[in-house]
């Protein structure tokens, strides 16, 4: 998925799984508009991932801080 960057801010992937608080991992830019991020351990079932520069402690605030996404992943 392509995304918009904010100058000078680290990009993160915010992961939401079940009713847990979001977990964040760095987004490593590979080419303009694309990147990779490690999946946090313990994620399973339906997982939502978004690109953000913030680290809110709940999914509602993460929705407001989202730059791209969400994307739904099914992990086992």
Protein backbone atom coordinates (compact mmCIF):
# COMPACT_ATOMS: atom_id res chain seq x y z
CA UNK A 1 0.00 0.00 0.00
CA UNK A 2 1.37 3.47 -0.76
CA UNK A 3 1.39 6.15 1.90
CA UNK A 4 2.14 9.82 2.53
CA UNK A 5 5.14 10.74 4.69
CA UNK A 6 5.44 13.60 7.18
CA UNK A 7 8.78 15.41 6.95
CA UNK A 8 11.10 14.72 9.87
CA UNK A 9 8.84 12.20 11.61
CA UNK A 10 9.54 8.49 12.05
CA UNK A 11 6.96 6.32 10.36
CA UNK A 12 5.49 3.47 12.37
CA UNK A 13 3.09 0.63 11.74
CA UNK A 14 0.36 0.47 14.36
CA UNK A 15 -0.93 -3.08 14.88
CA UNK A 16 -4.34 -3.79 16.46
CA UNK A 17 -5.28 -7.36 17.35
CA UNK A 18 -8.47 -8.38 19.15
CA UNK A 19 -9.17 -6.09 22.12
CA UNK A 20 -5.51 -5.42 22.90
CA UNK A 21 -3.89 -1.98 22.91
CA UNK A 22 -2.05 -1.06 19.69
CA UNK A 23 1.56 -2.18 19.27
CA UNK A 24 4.02 -0.19 17.15
CA UNK A 25 6.98 -1.23 15.00
CA UNK A 26 9.21 0.98 12.83
CA UNK A 27 8.38 1.23 9.15
CA UNK A 28 11.55 0.78 7.08
CA UNK A 29 11.28 2.60 3.75
CA UNK A 30 12.45 0.38 0.87
CA UNK A 31 11.57 2.64 -2.08
CA UNK A 32 9.55 5.84 -2.35
CA UNK A 33 6.06 5.15 -1.03
CA UNK A 34 6.76 1.58 0.12
CA UNK A 35 8.31 -0.12 3.13
CA UNK A 36 8.45 -3.11 5.44
CA UNK A 37 7.80 -3.65 9.13
CA UNK A 38 8.20 -6.60 11.47
CA UNK A 39 5.01 -8.22 12.73
CA UNK A 40 4.95 -8.11 16.54
CA UNK A 41 4.99 -11.50 18.29
CA UNK A 42 1.68 -12.87 19.51
CA UNK A 43 -0.44 -11.44 16.71
CA UNK A 44 -3.03 -13.96 15.46
CA UNK A 45 -6.37 -14.03 13.72
CA UNK A 46 -7.66 -10.77 12.24
CA UNK A 47 -5.03 -8.03 12.60
CA UNK A 48 -5.37 -4.42 11.48
CA UNK A 49 -2.27 -2.45 10.47
CA UNK A 50 -1.95 1.29 9.77
CA UNK A 51 0.87 3.73 9.00
CA UNK A 52 1.25 6.51 11.56
CA UNK A 53 3.79 8.86 13.17
CA UNK A 54 2.13 8.74 16.59
CA UNK A 55 1.73 6.06 19.26
CA UNK A 56 -1.73 6.44 20.81
CA UNK A 57 -2.62 3.92 23.51
CA UNK A 58 -6.05 3.03 22.10
CA UNK A 59 -7.55 2.11 18.72
CA UNK A 60 -9.91 5.11 18.61
CA UNK A 61 -7.06 7.63 18.82
CA UNK A 62 -4.97 5.54 16.43
CA UNK A 63 -7.76 5.87 13.85
CA UNK A 64 -7.39 9.67 14.07
CA UNK A 65 -3.59 9.46 13.73
CA UNK A 66 -3.61 7.15 10.69
CA UNK A 67 -1.76 8.29 7.55
CA UNK A 68 -2.56 5.15 5.51
CA UNK A 69 -4.66 2.07 6.03
CA UNK A 70 -6.03 0.12 7.62
CA UNK A 71 -5.10 -3.12 5.97
CA UNK A 72 -6.59 -6.34 7.35
CA UNK A 73 -4.28 -9.34 7.73
CA UNK A 74 -5.22 -12.85 8.79
CA UNK A 75 -2.32 -14.31 10.77
CA UNK A 76 -1.91 -17.76 12.28
